[in-house]
């Protein structure tokens, strides 16, 4: 197994480390840089990996084949340049930071750095994530395979050649779990407004969304067919869908939401 250096061990970073260890990486093959003391202590105790507060504290002779950036994009400028020596030494650089482009990393790490830009989502925490990735021209086949292995440890991976798609990916699947959780919140609130006790409304909303997701995953039918299967002519579901599918309804709201998120992803590149 290759040695991996993870920069940032928050929720997504922790999901990655857990996935790597389950996939067969040894704890001594994974190093973590996490400046926040509580998060560092938790990672050290939970995973048994070496955790330091800054790259200068990494004990020799740790020589990572990949450096994985799992920090928030707003904090990237302050730390990215500190890892240029690893890129110079031939490590692949794998980023999961929204909006930060391959060009951005090349500016800080060198034009010939091997950069993989990716966007996973939070179901990675239960190994059900989906990640879209794209590679710079300097990423070798073995480096791409290594990055694919690292990302597949937490779910499905799709590779694209067109980096510009990553903004829409971020808006659709990267931010998408929040849209689903909001749906659960809204459905529970609507149930309570219709007269259900709040705890029962939340239980029904949660089970309905998770159960529907499981059905969608298990069925070969497209979502439109599954929706039609639930909808009896002139029935209760059809009545609700006349509201949700009206002009300005759910489709229009979702289109606006995804467009706003994609726009913000492009802004983060600057």
C-alpha atoms as a PDB file:
ATOM      1  CA  UNK A   1       0.000   0.000   0.000  1.00  0.00           C
ATOM      2  CA  UNK A   2       1.081   3.538  -0.650  1.00  0.00           C
ATOM      3  CA  UNK A   3       1.662   6.067   2.100  1.00  0.00           C
ATOM      4  CA  UNK A   4      -1.043   8.751   2.251  1.00  0.00           C
ATOM      5  CA  UNK A   5      -0.956  12.205   3.864  1.00  0.00           C
ATOM      6  CA  UNK A   6      -4.363  13.670   4.707  1.00  0.00           C
ATOM      7  CA  UNK A   7      -4.583  17.409   5.306  1.00  0.00           C
ATOM      8  CA  UNK A   8      -7.654  18.147   7.428  1.00  0.00           C
ATOM      9  CA  UNK A   9      -9.566  15.575   9.444  1.00  0.00           C
ATOM     10  CA  UNK A  10     -13.064  16.955   9.831  1.00  0.00           C
ATOM     11  CA  UNK A  11     -16.176  14.994   8.896  1.00  0.00           C
ATOM     12  CA  UNK A  12     -15.137  14.218   5.332  1.00  0.00           C
ATOM     13  CA  UNK A  13     -11.510  13.630   6.226  1.00  0.00           C
ATOM     14  CA  UNK A  14     -12.542  11.237   8.979  1.00  0.00           C
ATOM     15  CA  UNK A  15     -14.828   9.373   6.568  1.00  0.00           C
ATOM     16  CA  UNK A  16     -11.909   8.978   4.167  1.00  0.00           C
ATOM     17  CA  UNK A  17      -9.526   7.655   6.816  1.00  0.00           C
ATOM     18  CA  UNK A  18     -12.116   5.184   8.063  1.00  0.00           C
ATOM     19  CA  UNK A  19     -12.751   4.018   4.504  1.00  0.00           C
ATOM     20  CA  UNK A  20      -9.038   3.632   3.786  1.00  0.00           C
ATOM     21  CA  UNK A  21      -8.453   1.533   6.876  1.00  0.00           C
ATOM     22  CA  UNK A  22     -11.430  -0.668   6.024  1.00  0.00           C
ATOM     23  CA  UNK A  23     -10.096  -1.007   2.470  1.00  0.00           C
ATOM     24  CA  UNK A  24      -6.812  -2.436   3.738  1.00  0.00           C
ATOM     25  CA  UNK A  25      -4.495   0.503   4.330  1.00  0.00           C
ATOM     26  CA  UNK A  26      -2.542   0.155   7.564  1.00  0.00           C
ATOM     27  CA  UNK A  27      -2.650   2.899  10.175  1.00  0.00           C
ATOM     28  CA  UNK A  28       1.098   3.458   9.789  1.00  0.00           C
ATOM     29  CA  UNK A  29       0.569   4.181   6.070  1.00  0.00           C
ATOM     30  CA  UNK A  30      -1.712   7.138   6.816  1.00  0.00           C
ATOM     31  CA  UNK A  31      -0.492  10.449   8.217  1.00  0.00           C
ATOM     32  CA  UNK A  32      -2.792  13.327   9.158  1.00  0.00           C
ATOM     33  CA  UNK A  33      -2.183  17.054   9.519  1.00  0.00           C
ATOM     34  CA  UNK A  34      -4.908  18.564  11.707  1.00  0.00           C
ATOM     35  CA  UNK A  35      -4.169  21.809  13.603  1.00  0.00           C
ATOM     36  CA  UNK A  36      -7.348  21.765  15.698  1.00  0.00           C
ATOM     37  CA  UNK A  37      -6.446  20.010  18.945  1.00  0.00           C
ATOM     38  CA  UNK A  38      -9.763  18.267  19.636  1.00  0.00           C
ATOM     39  CA  UNK A  39     -10.110  16.962  16.081  1.00  0.00           C
ATOM     40  CA  UNK A  40      -6.482  15.791  16.153  1.00  0.00           C
ATOM     41  CA  UNK A  41      -6.959  13.940  19.439  1.00  0.00           C
ATOM     42  CA  UNK A  42     -10.136  12.294  18.169  1.00  0.00           C
ATOM     43  CA  UNK A  43      -8.442  11.121  14.948  1.00  0.00           C
ATOM     44  CA  UNK A  44      -5.464   9.794  16.875  1.00  0.00           C
ATOM     45  CA  UNK A  45      -7.650   7.839  19.274  1.00  0.00           C
ATOM     46  CA  UNK A  46     -10.225   6.682  16.751  1.00  0.00           C
ATOM     47  CA  UNK A  47      -7.923   5.554  13.955  1.00  0.00           C
ATOM     48  CA  UNK A  48      -4.522   5.006  15.564  1.00  0.00           C
ATOM     49  CA  UNK A  49      -2.804   7.095  12.880  1.00  0.00           C
ATOM     50  CA  UNK A  50       0.011   9.620  13.251  1.00  0.00           C
ATOM     51  CA  UNK A  51      -1.517  13.107  13.647  1.00  0.00           C
ATOM     52  CA  UNK A  52       0.490  16.351  13.683  1.00  0.00           C
ATOM     53  CA  UNK A  53      -0.493  19.995  13.795  1.00  0.00           C
ATOM     54  CA  UNK A  54       1.547  21.195  10.807  1.00  0.00           C
ATOM     55  CA  UNK A  55       3.531  19.637   7.971  1.00  0.00           C
ATOM     56  CA  UNK A  56       6.884  20.512   9.534  1.00  0.00           C
ATOM     57  CA  UNK A  57       6.100  18.094  12.365  1.00  0.00           C
ATOM     58  CA  UNK A  58       5.721  15.066  10.087  1.00  0.00           C
ATOM     59  CA  UNK A  59       8.302  12.535  11.284  1.00  0.00           C
ATOM     60  CA  UNK A  60      10.883  11.309   8.799  1.00  0.00           C
ATOM     61  CA  UNK A  61      11.049   9.210   6.701  1.00  0.00           C
ATOM     62  CA  UNK A  62       7.326   9.510   5.857  1.00  0.00           C
ATOM     63  CA  UNK A  63       7.209   9.821   2.058  1.00  0.00           C
ATOM     64  CA  UNK A  64       3.586  10.000   0.855  1.00  0.00           C
ATOM     65  CA  UNK A  65       2.579   8.922  -2.625  1.00  0.00           C
ATOM     66  CA  UNK A  66      -0.541  11.106  -2.315  1.00  0.00           C
ATOM     67  CA  UNK A  67      -1.418  14.268  -0.406  1.00  0.00           C
ATOM     68  CA  UNK A  68      -5.166  14.601   0.104  1.00  0.00           C
ATOM     69  CA  UNK A  69      -6.555  18.057   0.840  1.00  0.00           C
ATOM     70  CA  UNK A  70      -9.762  17.820   2.882  1.00  0.00           C
ATOM     71  CA  UNK A  71      -9.887  21.367   4.205  1.00  0.00           C
ATOM     72  CA  UNK A  72     -12.537  23.991   3.540  1.00  0.00           C
ATOM     73  CA  UNK A  73     -11.839  26.038   0.408  1.00  0.00           C
ATOM     74  CA  UNK A  74     -11.840  29.270   2.416  1.00  0.00           C
ATOM     75  CA  UNK A  75      -8.838  28.016   4.404  1.00  0.00           C
ATOM     76  CA  UNK A  76      -6.832  26.633   1.495  1.00  0.00           C
ATOM     77  CA  UNK A  77      -4.798  29.754   0.664  1.00  0.00           C
ATOM     78  CA  UNK A  78      -3.199  29.783   4.093  1.00  0.00           C
ATOM     79  CA  UNK A  79      -1.807  26.252   3.948  1.00  0.00           C
ATOM     80  CA  UNK A  80      -1.524  24.886   0.411  1.00  0.00           C
ATOM     81  CA  UNK A  81       1.953  26.244  -0.331  1.00  0.00           C
ATOM     82  CA  UNK A  82       3.407  24.357   2.633  1.00  0.00           C
ATOM     83  CA  UNK A  83       2.971  21.096   0.702  1.00  0.00           C
ATOM     84  CA  UNK A  84       4.871  22.070  -2.438  1.00  0.00           C
ATOM     85  CA  UNK A  85       7.843  19.896  -1.451  1.00  0.00           C
ATOM     86  CA  UNK A  86       5.656  16.777  -1.517  1.00  0.00           C
ATOM     87  CA  UNK A  87       4.383  17.654  -4.993  1.00  0.00           C
ATOM     88  CA  UNK A  88       7.961  18.319  -6.118  1.00  0.00           C
ATOM     89  CA  UNK A  89       8.916  14.881  -4.821  1.00  0.00           C
ATOM     90  CA  UNK A  90       6.289  13.249  -7.037  1.00  0.00           C
ATOM     91  CA  UNK A  91       3.282  12.879  -4.756  1.00  0.00           C
ATOM     92  CA  UNK A  92      -0.133  13.046  -6.381  1.00  0.00           C
ATOM     93  CA  UNK A  93      -2.267  15.867  -4.974  1.00  0.00           C
ATOM     94  CA  UNK A  94      -5.913  14.920  -4.481  1.00  0.00           C
ATOM     95  CA  UNK A  95      -8.282  17.733  -3.523  1.00  0.00           C
ATOM     96  CA  UNK A  96     -11.871  17.476  -2.341  1.00  0.00           C
ATOM     97  CA  UNK A  97     -12.208  21.246  -1.784  1.00  0.00           C
ATOM     98  CA  UNK A  98     -15.150  22.845  -3.568  1.00  0.00           C
ATOM     99  CA  UNK A  99     -14.277  25.364  -6.248  1.00  0.00           C
ATOM    100  CA  UNK A 100     -10.498  25.019  -6.087  1.00  0.00           C
ATOM    101  CA  UNK A 101      -9.366  24.331  -9.634  1.00  0.00           C
ATOM    102  CA  UNK A 102      -6.409  22.433 -11.020  1.00  0.00           C
ATOM    103  CA  UNK A 103      -4.951  25.790 -12.116  1.00  0.00           C
ATOM    104  CA  UNK A 104      -5.256  27.055  -8.542  1.00  0.00           C
ATOM    105  CA  UNK A 105      -3.151  24.172  -7.221  1.00  0.00           C
ATOM    106  CA  UNK A 106      -0.629  24.528 -10.041  1.00  0.00           C
ATOM    107  CA  UNK A 107      -0.112  28.168  -9.070  1.00  0.00           C
ATOM    108  CA  UNK A 108       0.788  27.119  -5.525  1.00  0.00           C
ATOM    109  CA  UNK A 109       2.441  23.737  -6.094  1.00  0.00           C
ATOM    110  CA  UNK A 110       4.051  24.069  -9.526  1.00  0.00           C
ATOM    111  CA  UNK A 111       2.888  23.810 -13.117  1.00  0.00           C
ATOM    112  CA  UNK A 112       3.985  20.171 -13.378  1.00  0.00           C
ATOM    113  CA  UNK A 113       2.279  19.024 -10.157  1.00  0.00           C
ATOM    114  CA  UNK A 114       0.085  15.937 -10.505  1.00  0.00           C
ATOM    115  CA  UNK A 115      -3.328  17.291  -9.456  1.00  0.00           C
ATOM    116  CA  UNK A 116      -6.613  15.425  -9.115  1.00  0.00           C
ATOM    117  CA  UNK A 117      -9.622  17.598  -8.358  1.00  0.00           C
ATOM    118  CA  UNK A 118     -12.626  15.766  -6.959  1.00  0.00           C
ATOM    119  CA  UNK A 119     -15.986  16.341  -5.317  1.00  0.00           C
ATOM    120  CA  UNK A 120     -17.366  13.651  -2.991  1.00  0.00           C
ATOM    121  CA  UNK A 121     -20.456  13.994  -0.805  1.00  0.00           C
ATOM    122  CA  UNK A 122     -21.292  13.258   2.816  1.00  0.00           C
ATOM    123  CA  UNK A 123     -22.860   9.792   2.340  1.00  0.00           C
ATOM    124  CA  UNK A 124     -19.181   8.834   2.171  1.00  0.00           C
ATOM    125  CA  UNK A 125     -19.525   8.522   5.949  1.00  0.00           C
ATOM    126  CA  UNK A 126     -21.561   5.335   5.393  1.00  0.00           C
ATOM    127  CA  UNK A 127     -19.608   4.257   2.265  1.00  0.00           C
ATOM    128  CA  UNK A 128     -22.471   5.381   0.018  1.00  0.00           C
ATOM    129  CA  UNK A 129     -20.895   8.529  -1.356  1.00  0.00           C
ATOM    130  CA  UNK A 130     -20.421   9.420  -4.989  1.00  0.00           C
ATOM    131  CA  UNK A 131     -17.374  11.319  -6.187  1.00  0.00           C
ATOM    132  CA  UNK A 132     -16.638  12.926  -9.528  1.00  0.00           C
ATOM    133  CA  UNK A 133     -12.936  13.435 -10.285  1.00  0.00           C
ATOM    134  CA  UNK A 134     -10.784  14.951 -13.009  1.00  0.00           C
ATOM    135  CA  UNK A 135      -7.016  14.814 -13.446  1.00  0.00           C
ATOM    136  CA  UNK A 136      -4.381  17.196 -14.745  1.00  0.00           C
ATOM    137  CA  UNK A 137      -2.191  16.210 -17.664  1.00  0.00           C
ATOM    138  CA  UNK A 138       0.689  15.375 -15.311  1.00  0.00           C
ATOM    139  CA  UNK A 139      -1.177  12.645 -13.398  1.00  0.00           C
ATOM    140  CA  UNK A 140       0.274   9.255 -14.326  1.00  0.00           C
ATOM    141  CA  UNK A 141      -1.799   6.104 -14.705  1.00  0.00           C
ATOM    142  CA  UNK A 142      -0.531   4.696 -11.374  1.00  0.00           C
ATOM    143  CA  UNK A 143      -1.335   7.995  -9.637  1.00  0.00           C
ATOM    144  CA  UNK A 144      -4.817   8.053 -11.112  1.00  0.00           C
ATOM    145  CA  UNK A 145      -5.336   4.455 -10.007  1.00  0.00           C
ATOM    146  CA  UNK A 146      -4.181   5.328  -6.488  1.00  0.00           C
ATOM    147  CA  UNK A 147      -6.563   8.304  -6.293  1.00  0.00           C
ATOM    148  CA  UNK A 148      -9.369   6.131  -7.626  1.00  0.00           C
ATOM    149  CA  UNK A 149      -8.653   3.585  -4.877  1.00  0.00           C
ATOM    150  CA  UNK A 150      -8.677   6.294  -2.207  1.00  0.00           C
ATOM    151  CA  UNK A 151     -12.020   7.674  -3.390  1.00  0.00           C
ATOM    152  CA  UNK A 152     -13.637   4.278  -4.008  1.00  0.00           C
ATOM    153  CA  UNK A 153     -13.068   3.446  -0.342  1.00  0.00           C
ATOM    154  CA  UNK A 154     -16.070   5.673   0.463  1.00  0.00           C
ATOM    155  CA  UNK A 155     -18.350   5.008  -2.515  1.00  0.00           C
ATOM    156  CA  UNK A 156     -18.766   5.242  -6.273  1.00  0.00           C
ATOM    157  CA  UNK A 157     -16.303   7.210  -8.420  1.00  0.00           C
ATOM    158  CA  UNK A 158     -16.909   8.810 -11.827  1.00  0.00           C
ATOM    159  CA  UNK A 159     -14.067  10.368 -13.839  1.00  0.00           C
ATOM    160  CA  UNK A 160     -14.602  13.210 -16.305  1.00  0.00           C
ATOM    161  CA  UNK A 161     -12.226  14.934 -18.711  1.00  0.00           C
ATOM    162  CA  UNK A 162     -13.944  18.336 -18.627  1.00  0.00           C
ATOM    163  CA  UNK A 163     -12.999  20.075 -15.376  1.00  0.00           C
ATOM    164  CA  UNK A 164     -15.670  22.755 -15.879  1.00  0.00           C
ATOM    165  CA  UNK A 165     -18.292  20.114 -15.009  1.00  0.00           C
ATOM    166  CA  UNK A 166     -17.060  20.070 -11.401  1.00  0.00           C
ATOM    167  CA  UNK A 167     -18.972  23.250 -10.514  1.00  0.00           C
ATOM    168  CA  UNK A 168     -22.264  21.652 -11.549  1.00  0.00           C
ATOM    169  CA  UNK A 169     -21.221  18.404  -9.851  1.00  0.00           C
ATOM    170  CA  UNK A 170     -20.587  20.319  -6.628  1.00  0.00           C
ATOM    171  CA  UNK A 171     -24.009  21.937  -6.876  1.00  0.00           C
ATOM    172  CA  UNK A 172     -25.808  18.679  -7.685  1.00  0.00           C
ATOM    173  CA  UNK A 173     -24.226  15.880  -5.670  1.00  0.00           C
ATOM    174  CA  UNK A 174     -21.737  17.666  -3.429  1.00  0.00           C
ATOM    175  CA  UNK A 175     -24.398  19.923  -1.925  1.00  0.00           C
ATOM    176  CA  UNK A 176     -27.226  17.504  -2.761  1.00  0.00           C
ATOM    177  CA  UNK A 177     -27.447  15.720   0.613  1.00  0.00           C
ATOM    178  CA  UNK A 178     -28.379  19.032   2.243  1.00  0.00           C
ATOM    179  CA  UNK A 179     -31.296  19.352  -0.172  1.00  0.00           C
ATOM    180  CA  UNK A 180     -32.518  15.883   0.808  1.00  0.00           C
ATOM    181  CA  UNK A 181     -32.194  16.633   4.526  1.00  0.00           C
ATOM    182  CA  UNK A 182     -34.135  19.860   3.991  1.00  0.00           C
ATOM    183  CA  UNK A 183     -36.848  17.825   2.262  1.00  0.00           C
ATOM    184  CA  UNK A 184     -37.129  15.680   5.403  1.00  0.00           C
ATOM    185  CA  UNK A 185     -37.364  18.797   7.567  1.00  0.00           C
ATOM    186  CA  UNK A 186     -40.041  20.357   5.357  1.00  0.00           C
ATOM    187  CA  UNK A 187     -42.057  17.141   5.090  1.00  0.00           C
ATOM    188  CA  UNK A 188     -42.004  16.732   8.871  1.00  0.00           C
ATOM    189  CA  UNK A 189     -43.056  20.344   9.395  1.00  0.00           C
ATOM    190  CA  UNK A 190     -45.879  19.946   6.879  1.00  0.00           C
ATOM    191  CA  UNK A 191     -47.042  16.769   8.622  1.00  0.00           C
ATOM    192  CA  UNK A 192     -47.084  18.560  11.954  1.00  0.00           C
ATOM    193  CA  UNK A 193     -49.006  21.466  10.409  1.00  0.00           C
ATOM    194  CA  UNK A 194     -51.566  18.927   9.153  1.00  0.00           C
ATOM    195  CA  UNK A 195     -52.137  17.732  12.734  1.00  0.00           C
ATOM    196  CA  UNK A 196     -49.528  15.043  13.434  1.00  0.00           C
ATOM    197  CA  UNK A 197     -47.518  15.075  16.676  1.00  0.00           C
ATOM    198  CA  UNK A 198     -44.085  16.502  15.859  1.00  0.00           C
ATOM    199  CA  UNK A 199     -42.160  13.359  16.822  1.00  0.00           C
ATOM    200  CA  UNK A 200     -44.416  11.166  14.684  1.00  0.00           C
ATOM    201  CA  UNK A 201     -44.203  13.592  11.749  1.00  0.00           C
ATOM    202  CA  UNK A 202     -40.402  13.521  11.871  1.00  0.00           C
ATOM    203  CA  UNK A 203     -40.321   9.745  12.142  1.00  0.00           C
ATOM    204  CA  UNK A 204     -42.622   9.375   9.147  1.00  0.00           C
ATOM    205  CA  UNK A 205     -40.671  11.909   7.079  1.00  0.00           C
ATOM    206  CA  UNK A 206     -37.313  10.306   7.848  1.00  0.00           C
ATOM    207  CA  UNK A 207     -38.513   6.754   7.143  1.00  0.00           C
ATOM    208  CA  UNK A 208     -40.293   7.838   3.960  1.00  0.00           C
ATOM    209  CA  UNK A 209     -37.207   9.493   2.481  1.00  0.00           C
ATOM    210  CA  UNK A 210     -34.738   6.754   3.499  1.00  0.00           C
ATOM    211  CA  UNK A 211     -37.136   4.017   2.372  1.00  0.00           C
ATOM    212  CA  UNK A 212     -37.773   5.746  -0.937  1.00  0.00           C
ATOM    213  CA  UNK A 213     -34.026   6.069  -1.437  1.00  0.00           C
ATOM    214  CA  UNK A 214     -33.587   2.359  -0.818  1.00  0.00           C
ATOM    215  CA  UNK A 215     -36.382   1.596  -3.299  1.00  0.00           C
ATOM    216  CA  UNK A 216     -34.771   3.899  -5.876  1.00  0.00           C
ATOM    217  CA  UNK A 217     -31.442   2.170  -5.359  1.00  0.00           C
ATOM    218  CA  UNK A 218     -32.943  -1.303  -5.729  1.00  0.00           C
ATOM    219  CA  UNK A 219     -35.187  -0.564  -8.719  1.00  0.00           C
ATOM    220  CA  UNK A 220     -34.054  -0.454 -12.356  1.00  0.00           C
ATOM    221  CA  UNK A 221     -36.875   1.993 -13.125  1.00  0.00           C
ATOM    222  CA  UNK A 222     -36.155   5.717 -13.548  1.00  0.00           C
ATOM    223  CA  UNK A 223     -37.485   8.046 -10.827  1.00  0.00           C
ATOM    224  CA  UNK A 224     -40.264   9.288 -13.100  1.00  0.00           C
ATOM    225  CA  UNK A 225     -41.720   5.759 -13.311  1.00  0.00           C
ATOM    226  CA  UNK A 226     -41.416   5.254  -9.559  1.00  0.00           C
ATOM    227  CA  UNK A 227     -43.229   8.542  -9.018  1.00  0.00           C
ATOM    228  CA  UNK A 228     -45.997   7.521 -11.395  1.00  0.00           C
ATOM    229  CA  UNK A 229     -46.324   4.165  -9.600  1.00  0.00           C
ATOM    230  CA  UNK A 230     -47.245   6.012  -6.395  1.00  0.00           C
ATOM    231  CA  UNK A 231     -49.681   8.360  -8.114  1.00  0.00           C
ATOM    232  CA  UNK A 232     -53.244   7.146  -8.599  1.00  0.00           C
ATOM    233  CA  UNK A 233     -55.344   9.257 -10.973  1.00  0.00           C
ATOM    234  CA  UNK A 234     -57.341  11.872  -9.048  1.00  0.00           C
ATOM    235  CA  UNK A 235     -55.926  10.523  -5.773  1.00  0.00           C
ATOM    236  CA  UNK A 236     -54.199  12.181  -2.815  1.00  0.00           C
ATOM    237  CA  UNK A 237     -50.686  11.990  -4.281  1.00  0.00           C
ATOM    238  CA  UNK A 238     -51.853  13.485  -7.581  1.00  0.00           C
ATOM    239  CA  UNK A 239     -53.416  16.363  -5.668  1.00  0.00           C
ATOM    240  CA  UNK A 240     -50.152  17.072  -3.849  1.00  0.00           C
ATOM    241  CA  UNK A 241     -48.136  16.851  -7.064  1.00  0.00           C
ATOM    242  CA  UNK A 242     -50.279  19.512  -8.712  1.00  0.00           C
ATOM    243  CA  UNK A 243     -48.769  21.862  -6.131  1.00  0.00           C
ATOM    244  CA  UNK A 244     -45.203  20.570  -6.235  1.00  0.00           C
ATOM    245  CA  UNK A 245     -45.077  20.386 -10.047  1.00  0.00           C
ATOM    246  CA  UNK A 246     -46.801  23.691 -10.760  1.00  0.00           C
ATOM    247  CA  UNK A 247     -44.963  26.580 -12.434  1.00  0.00           C
ATOM    248  CA  UNK A 248     -42.507  27.910  -9.881  1.00  0.00           C
ATOM    249  CA  UNK A 249     -42.765  24.659  -7.892  1.00  0.00           C
ATOM    250  CA  UNK A 250     -40.142  22.122  -6.898  1.00  0.00           C
ATOM    251  CA  UNK A 251     -38.445  21.808 -10.311  1.00  0.00           C
ATOM    252  CA  UNK A 252     -37.990  25.555 -10.682  1.00  0.00           C
ATOM    253  CA  UNK A 253     -36.795  25.938  -7.093  1.00  0.00           C
ATOM    254  CA  UNK A 254     -34.270  23.133  -7.476  1.00  0.00           C
ATOM    255  CA  UNK A 255     -32.973  24.556 -10.738  1.00  0.00           C
ATOM    256  CA  UNK A 256     -32.439  27.933  -9.049  1.00  0.00           C
ATOM    257  CA  UNK A 257     -30.787  26.309  -6.037  1.00  0.00           C
ATOM    258  CA  UNK A 258     -28.348  24.255  -8.108  1.00  0.00           C
ATOM    259  CA  UNK A 259     -27.525  27.264 -10.282  1.00  0.00           C
ATOM    260  CA  UNK A 260     -26.782  29.327  -7.155  1.00  0.00           C
ATOM    261  CA  UNK A 261     -24.508  26.616  -5.744  1.00  0.00           C
ATOM    262  CA  UNK A 262     -22.669  26.224  -9.064  1.00  0.00           C
ATOM    263  CA  UNK A 263     -22.164  29.983  -9.237  1.00  0.00           C
ATOM    264  CA  UNK A 264     -20.712  29.967  -5.722  1.00  0.00           C
ATOM    265  CA  UNK A 265     -18.388  27.105  -6.659  1.00  0.00           C
ATOM    266  CA  UNK A 266     -17.016  29.195  -9.515  1.00  0.00           C
ATOM    267  CA  UNK A 267     -16.578  32.162  -7.168  1.00  0.00           C
ATOM    268  CA  UNK A 268     -14.545  30.026  -4.748  1.00  0.00           C
ATOM    269  CA  UNK A 269     -12.028  29.424  -7.508  1.00  0.00           C
ATOM    270  CA  UNK A 270     -11.036  33.075  -7.148  1.00  0.00           C
END
